[in-house]
C-alpha atoms as a PDB file:
ATOM      1  CA  MET A   1     122.710 115.538 106.053  1.00  0.00           C
ATOM      2  CA  SER A   2     123.273 112.388 103.974  1.00  0.00           C
ATOM      3  CA  THR A   3     126.348 111.543 101.971  1.00  0.00           C
ATOM      4  CA  ILE A   4     126.915 110.371  98.414  1.00  0.00           C
ATOM      5  CA  GLU A   5     130.314 108.731  97.903  1.00  0.00           C
ATOM      6  CA  GLY A   6     131.675 110.517 100.975  1.00  0.00           C
ATOM      7  CA  THR A   7     130.385 113.968  99.959  1.00  0.00           C
ATOM      8  CA  ALA A   8     127.778 115.823 102.014  1.00  0.00           C
ATOM      9  CA  LEU A   9     124.378 115.861 100.305  1.00  0.00           C
ATOM     10  CA  ASP A  10     122.312 119.028 100.548  1.00  0.00           C
ATOM     11  CA  GLN A  11     118.798 117.601 100.970  1.00  0.00           C
ATOM     12  CA  ARG A  12     117.079 120.808  99.775  1.00  0.00           C
ATOM     13  CA  LYS A  13     119.098 120.799  96.551  1.00  0.00           C
ATOM     14  CA  PHE A  14     118.389 117.083  96.149  1.00  0.00           C
ATOM     15  CA  ARG A  15     114.624 117.711  96.500  1.00  0.00           C
ATOM     16  CA  ASP A  16     114.863 120.573  94.017  1.00  0.00           C
ATOM     17  CA  ALA A  17     116.656 118.331  91.524  1.00  0.00           C
ATOM     18  CA  LEU A  18     114.016 115.604  91.969  1.00  0.00           C
ATOM     19  CA  GLY A  19     111.342 118.267  91.413  1.00  0.00           C
ATOM     20  CA  CYS A  20     112.616 118.690  87.856  1.00  0.00           C
ATOM     21  CA  PHE A  21     110.885 115.418  87.028  1.00  0.00           C
ATOM     22  CA  ALA A  22     107.226 116.232  86.349  1.00  0.00           C
ATOM     23  CA  THR A  23     104.824 113.774  87.971  1.00  0.00           C
ATOM     24  CA  GLY A  24     101.154 113.078  87.951  1.00  0.00           C
ATOM     25  CA  VAL A  25      99.224 113.478  91.176  1.00  0.00           C
ATOM     26  CA  ALA A  26      97.083 110.744  92.700  1.00  0.00           C
ATOM     27  CA  VAL A  27      95.108 110.024  95.845  1.00  0.00           C
ATOM     28  CA  VAL A  28      95.495 106.633  97.504  1.00  0.00           C
ATOM     29  CA  THR A  29      92.436 105.499  99.460  1.00  0.00           C
ATOM     30  CA  THR A  30      91.763 102.726 101.934  1.00  0.00           C
ATOM     31  CA  CYS A  31      89.452 102.046 104.873  1.00  0.00           C
ATOM     32  CA  THR A  32      90.288 101.880 108.548  1.00  0.00           C
ATOM     33  CA  ASP A  33      87.669 100.596 110.964  1.00  0.00           C
ATOM     34  CA  GLY A  34      85.070 101.272 108.272  1.00  0.00           C
ATOM     35  CA  GLU A  35      86.240 104.871 107.816  1.00  0.00           C
ATOM     36  CA  PRO A  36      87.513 105.756 104.336  1.00  0.00           C
ATOM     37  CA  ILE A  37      90.688 107.847 104.197  1.00  0.00           C
ATOM     38  CA  GLY A  38      92.897 109.203 101.444  1.00  0.00           C
ATOM     39  CA  ILE A  39      96.324 110.734 100.994  1.00  0.00           C
ATOM     40  CA  THR A  40      97.811 112.680  98.096  1.00  0.00           C
ATOM     41  CA  ILE A  41     100.868 111.152  96.445  1.00  0.00           C
ATOM     42  CA  ASN A  42     103.059 111.794  93.431  1.00  0.00           C
ATOM     43  CA  SER A  43     105.112 108.607  93.708  1.00  0.00           C
ATOM     44  CA  PHE A  44     102.881 106.321  91.654  1.00  0.00           C
ATOM     45  CA  SER A  45     104.426 104.032  89.027  1.00  0.00           C
ATOM     46  CA  SER A  46     103.700 100.918  87.040  1.00  0.00           C
ATOM     47  CA  VAL A  47     105.830  97.887  87.918  1.00  0.00           C
ATOM     48  CA  SER A  48     104.640  94.947  85.819  1.00  0.00           C
ATOM     49  CA  LEU A  49     102.017  94.047  83.225  1.00  0.00           C
ATOM     50  CA  ASP A  50     102.087  90.324  84.044  1.00  0.00           C
ATOM     51  CA  PRO A  51     101.145  90.142  86.799  1.00  0.00           C
ATOM     52  CA  PRO A  52      99.614  93.640  86.878  1.00  0.00           C
ATOM     53  CA  LEU A  53     101.544  95.488  89.606  1.00  0.00           C
ATOM     54  CA  VAL A  54     101.829  99.159  90.578  1.00  0.00           C
ATOM     55  CA  LEU A  55     103.709 100.926  93.364  1.00  0.00           C
ATOM     56  CA  TRP A  56     103.568 104.062  95.451  1.00  0.00           C
ATOM     57  CA  CYS A  57     105.653 105.356  98.343  1.00  0.00           C
ATOM     58  CA  LEU A  58     104.684 106.711 101.756  1.00  0.00           C
ATOM     59  CA  ASP A  59     106.889 108.716 104.112  1.00  0.00           C
ATOM     60  CA  LYS A  60     107.533 106.892 107.381  1.00  0.00           C
ATOM     61  CA  ASN A  61     106.547 110.094 109.225  1.00  0.00           C
ATOM     62  CA  SER A  62     103.090 110.180 107.596  1.00  0.00           C
ATOM     63  CA  ASP A  63     100.176 110.210 109.998  1.00  0.00           C
ATOM     64  CA  THR A  64      98.539 107.583 107.747  1.00  0.00           C
ATOM     65  CA  LEU A  65     101.407 105.076 107.877  1.00  0.00           C
ATOM     66  CA  ASP A  66      99.824 102.829 110.532  1.00  0.00           C
ATOM     67  CA  VAL A  67      96.577 102.653 108.573  1.00  0.00           C
ATOM     68  CA  PHE A  68      98.265 101.692 105.304  1.00  0.00           C
ATOM     69  CA  GLN A  69     100.593  99.245 107.081  1.00  0.00           C
ATOM     70  CA  LYS A  70      97.554  97.405 108.493  1.00  0.00           C
ATOM     71  CA  SER A  71      95.421  97.526 105.350  1.00  0.00           C
ATOM     72  CA  GLU A  72      95.620  94.746 102.778  1.00  0.00           C
ATOM     73  CA  THR A  73      93.914  96.807 100.046  1.00  0.00           C
ATOM     74  CA  PHE A  74      94.174 100.282  98.548  1.00  0.00           C
ATOM     75  CA  THR A  75      93.038 102.187  95.477  1.00  0.00           C
ATOM     76  CA  VAL A  76      95.168 104.627  93.483  1.00  0.00           C
ATOM     77  CA  ASN A  77      93.044 107.411  91.948  1.00  0.00           C
ATOM     78  CA  VAL A  78      94.771 109.473  89.228  1.00  0.00           C
ATOM     79  CA  LEU A  79      93.627 113.080  89.625  1.00  0.00           C
ATOM     80  CA  ARG A  80      92.286 115.411  86.952  1.00  0.00           C
ATOM     81  CA  ASP A  81      93.508 118.972  86.509  1.00  0.00           C
ATOM     82  CA  GLU A  82      90.407 120.254  88.325  1.00  0.00           C
ATOM     83  CA  HIS A  83      91.251 118.221  91.471  1.00  0.00           C
ATOM     84  CA  MET A  84      93.761 120.718  92.925  1.00  0.00           C
ATOM     85  CA  GLU A  85      91.581 121.383  95.974  1.00  0.00           C
ATOM     86  CA  VAL A  86      91.215 117.635  96.680  1.00  0.00           C
ATOM     87  CA  SER A  87      94.973 117.180  96.258  1.00  0.00           C
ATOM     88  CA  ASN A  88      95.817 120.063  98.591  1.00  0.00           C
ATOM     89  CA  ARG A  89      93.329 118.964 101.255  1.00  0.00           C
ATOM     90  CA  LEU A  90      94.469 115.344 101.395  1.00  0.00           C
ATOM     91  CA  ALA A  91      98.160 116.335 101.373  1.00  0.00           C
ATOM     92  CA  LYS A  92      97.827 118.036 104.777  1.00  0.00           C
ATOM     93  CA  PRO A  93      98.675 116.041 107.896  1.00  0.00           C
ATOM     94  CA  GLY A  94      95.592 115.166 109.936  1.00  0.00           C
ATOM     95  CA  ASP A  95      93.063 115.873 107.173  1.00  0.00           C
ATOM     96  CA  HIS A  96      92.520 112.592 105.353  1.00  0.00           C
ATOM     97  CA  SER A  97      88.740 112.317 105.538  1.00  0.00           C
ATOM     98  CA  LEU A  98      87.011 111.790 102.195  1.00  0.00           C
ATOM     99  CA  GLU A  99      83.873 113.556 103.402  1.00  0.00           C
ATOM    100  CA  GLY A 100      82.484 115.832 100.699  1.00  0.00           C
ATOM    101  CA  ILE A 101      84.405 114.105  97.897  1.00  0.00           C
ATOM    102  CA  GLU A 102      82.241 112.108  95.500  1.00  0.00           C
ATOM    103  CA  MET A 103      83.254 108.474  95.995  1.00  0.00           C
ATOM    104  CA  ILE A 104      81.920 105.015  95.172  1.00  0.00           C
ATOM    105  CA  GLY A 105      82.890 101.640  96.603  1.00  0.00           C
ATOM    106  CA  GLY A 106      85.379  99.560  94.710  1.00  0.00           C
ATOM    107  CA  VAL A 107      85.638  95.822  94.213  1.00  0.00           C
ATOM    108  CA  ASN A 108      88.466  95.708  96.779  1.00  0.00           C
ATOM    109  CA  GLY A 109      86.346  97.459  99.422  1.00  0.00           C
ATOM    110  CA  CYS A 110      88.198 100.767  99.135  1.00  0.00           C
ATOM    111  CA  PRO A 111      86.558 103.978  97.946  1.00  0.00           C
ATOM    112  CA  ARG A 112      87.415 105.405  94.559  1.00  0.00           C
ATOM    113  CA  LEU A 113      86.989 108.957  93.279  1.00  0.00           C
ATOM    114  CA  VAL A 114      84.099 109.129  90.836  1.00  0.00           C
ATOM    115  CA  GLN A 115      85.773 111.738  88.625  1.00  0.00           C
ATOM    116  CA  ALA A 116      89.314 110.287  88.637  1.00  0.00           C
ATOM    117  CA  LEU A 117      91.109 110.009  85.289  1.00  0.00           C
ATOM    118  CA  ALA A 118      91.949 106.421  86.196  1.00  0.00           C
ATOM    119  CA  HIS A 119      91.788 104.181  89.212  1.00  0.00           C
ATOM    120  CA  PHE A 120      93.649 101.027  90.164  1.00  0.00           C
ATOM    121  CA  GLU A 121      92.055  98.859  92.838  1.00  0.00           C
ATOM    122  CA  CYS A 122      94.742  96.741  94.474  1.00  0.00           C
ATOM    123  CA  GLU A 123      95.581  94.243  97.133  1.00  0.00           C
ATOM    124  CA  VAL A 124      98.959  94.607  98.809  1.00  0.00           C
ATOM    125  CA  ASP A 125     101.499  92.369  97.102  1.00  0.00           C
ATOM    126  CA  ALA A 126     104.555  93.603  99.044  1.00  0.00           C
ATOM    127  CA  ARG A 127     105.851  96.339 101.309  1.00  0.00           C
ATOM    128  CA  HIS A 128     109.511  97.352 101.167  1.00  0.00           C
ATOM    129  CA  ASP A 129     111.438  99.454 103.640  1.00  0.00           C
ATOM    130  CA  ALA A 130     113.378 102.057 101.650  1.00  0.00           C
ATOM    131  CA  GLY A 131     115.182 104.819 103.535  1.00  0.00           C
ATOM    132  CA  ASP A 132     112.640 107.260 104.949  1.00  0.00           C
ATOM    133  CA  HIS A 133     109.760 105.711 102.961  1.00  0.00           C
ATOM    134  CA  ILE A 134     107.803 102.472 102.639  1.00  0.00           C
ATOM    135  CA  ILE A 135     107.203 101.231  99.092  1.00  0.00           C
ATOM    136  CA  PHE A 136     103.768  99.660  98.649  1.00  0.00           C
ATOM    137  CA  VAL A 137     103.452  97.266  95.720  1.00  0.00           C
ATOM    138  CA  GLY A 138      99.873  96.482  94.747  1.00  0.00           C
ATOM    139  CA  ARG A 139      98.470  93.699  92.608  1.00  0.00           C
ATOM    140  CA  VAL A 140      95.777  95.322  90.460  1.00  0.00           C
ATOM    141  CA  LEU A 141      92.407  93.587  90.871  1.00  0.00           C
ATOM    142  CA  HIS A 142      90.366  96.068  88.849  1.00  0.00           C
ATOM    143  CA  PHE A 143      91.040  99.279  86.948  1.00  0.00           C
ATOM    144  CA  ASP A 144      89.250 101.761  84.757  1.00  0.00           C
ATOM    145  CA  ARG A 145      90.013 105.008  82.976  1.00  0.00           C
ATOM    146  CA  ALA A 146      88.229 108.044  81.634  1.00  0.00           C
ATOM    147  CA  VAL A 147      88.270 108.554  77.887  1.00  0.00           C
ATOM    148  CA  GLU A 148      88.807 112.313  78.204  1.00  0.00           C
ATOM    149  CA  GLY A 149      90.357 114.706  80.676  1.00  0.00           C
ATOM    150  CA  GLU A 150      93.678 116.290  81.577  1.00  0.00           C
ATOM    151  CA  PRO A 151      95.921 115.122  84.432  1.00  0.00           C
ATOM    152  CA  LEU A 152      96.914 117.116  87.485  1.00  0.00           C
ATOM    153  CA  VAL A 153     100.687 117.547  87.086  1.00  0.00           C
ATOM    154  CA  TYR A 154     103.300 118.609  89.647  1.00  0.00           C
ATOM    155  CA  HIS A 155     106.674 120.100  88.667  1.00  0.00           C
ATOM    156  CA  ARG A 156     109.225 122.137  90.647  1.00  0.00           C
ATOM    157  CA  GLY A 157     106.943 122.529  93.649  1.00  0.00           C
ATOM    158  CA  SER A 158     103.838 123.704  91.759  1.00  0.00           C
ATOM    159  CA  TYR A 159     100.908 122.366  89.816  1.00  0.00           C
ATOM    160  CA  ARG A 160     101.359 122.727  86.074  1.00  0.00           C
ATOM    161  CA  ALA A 161      99.269 122.429  82.944  1.00  0.00           C
ATOM    162  CA  LEU A 162     100.352 120.207  80.102  1.00  0.00           C
ATOM    163  CA  SER A 163     100.904 121.818  76.744  1.00  0.00           C
ATOM    164  CA  ILE A 164     101.933 120.148  73.561  1.00  0.00           C
ATOM    165  CA  ASP A 165     103.097 122.148  70.572  1.00  0.00           C
ATOM    166  CA  SER A 166     102.290 120.516  67.254  1.00  0.00           C
END
């Protein structure tokens, strides 16, 4: 149990409170020994427009940590609402193969999802140790986006659909 200003912090309640913030879902891809891998994340954020920087976070207990620590490139693929199965599969420990997922090679050498809403091909700009995670900051080398489509959204432990009342 952690503490905040000397008070015990209930980690489950903390996670539940963080879950109130709806996030998009993405898959980060890279290659290791010529083998493409991917992992589902919901910690993607823009950092800077000039230079173009983005970040994402990876748990230090992830079975992909060594691969991403050694790689100098990665691609963030923003998932569509119909990518739930891809998201679920790549979120599981030990199952990070991109086999069966339609991919193409990117300019940075990493695979990118053909049907992603957007993708950001990056080279590692920095890695920061932050508690139980590593923050990866990427300098965007190339990006693209789809003109249409709805994002895969995660809120309070479940996938959600966006709805906007006019």
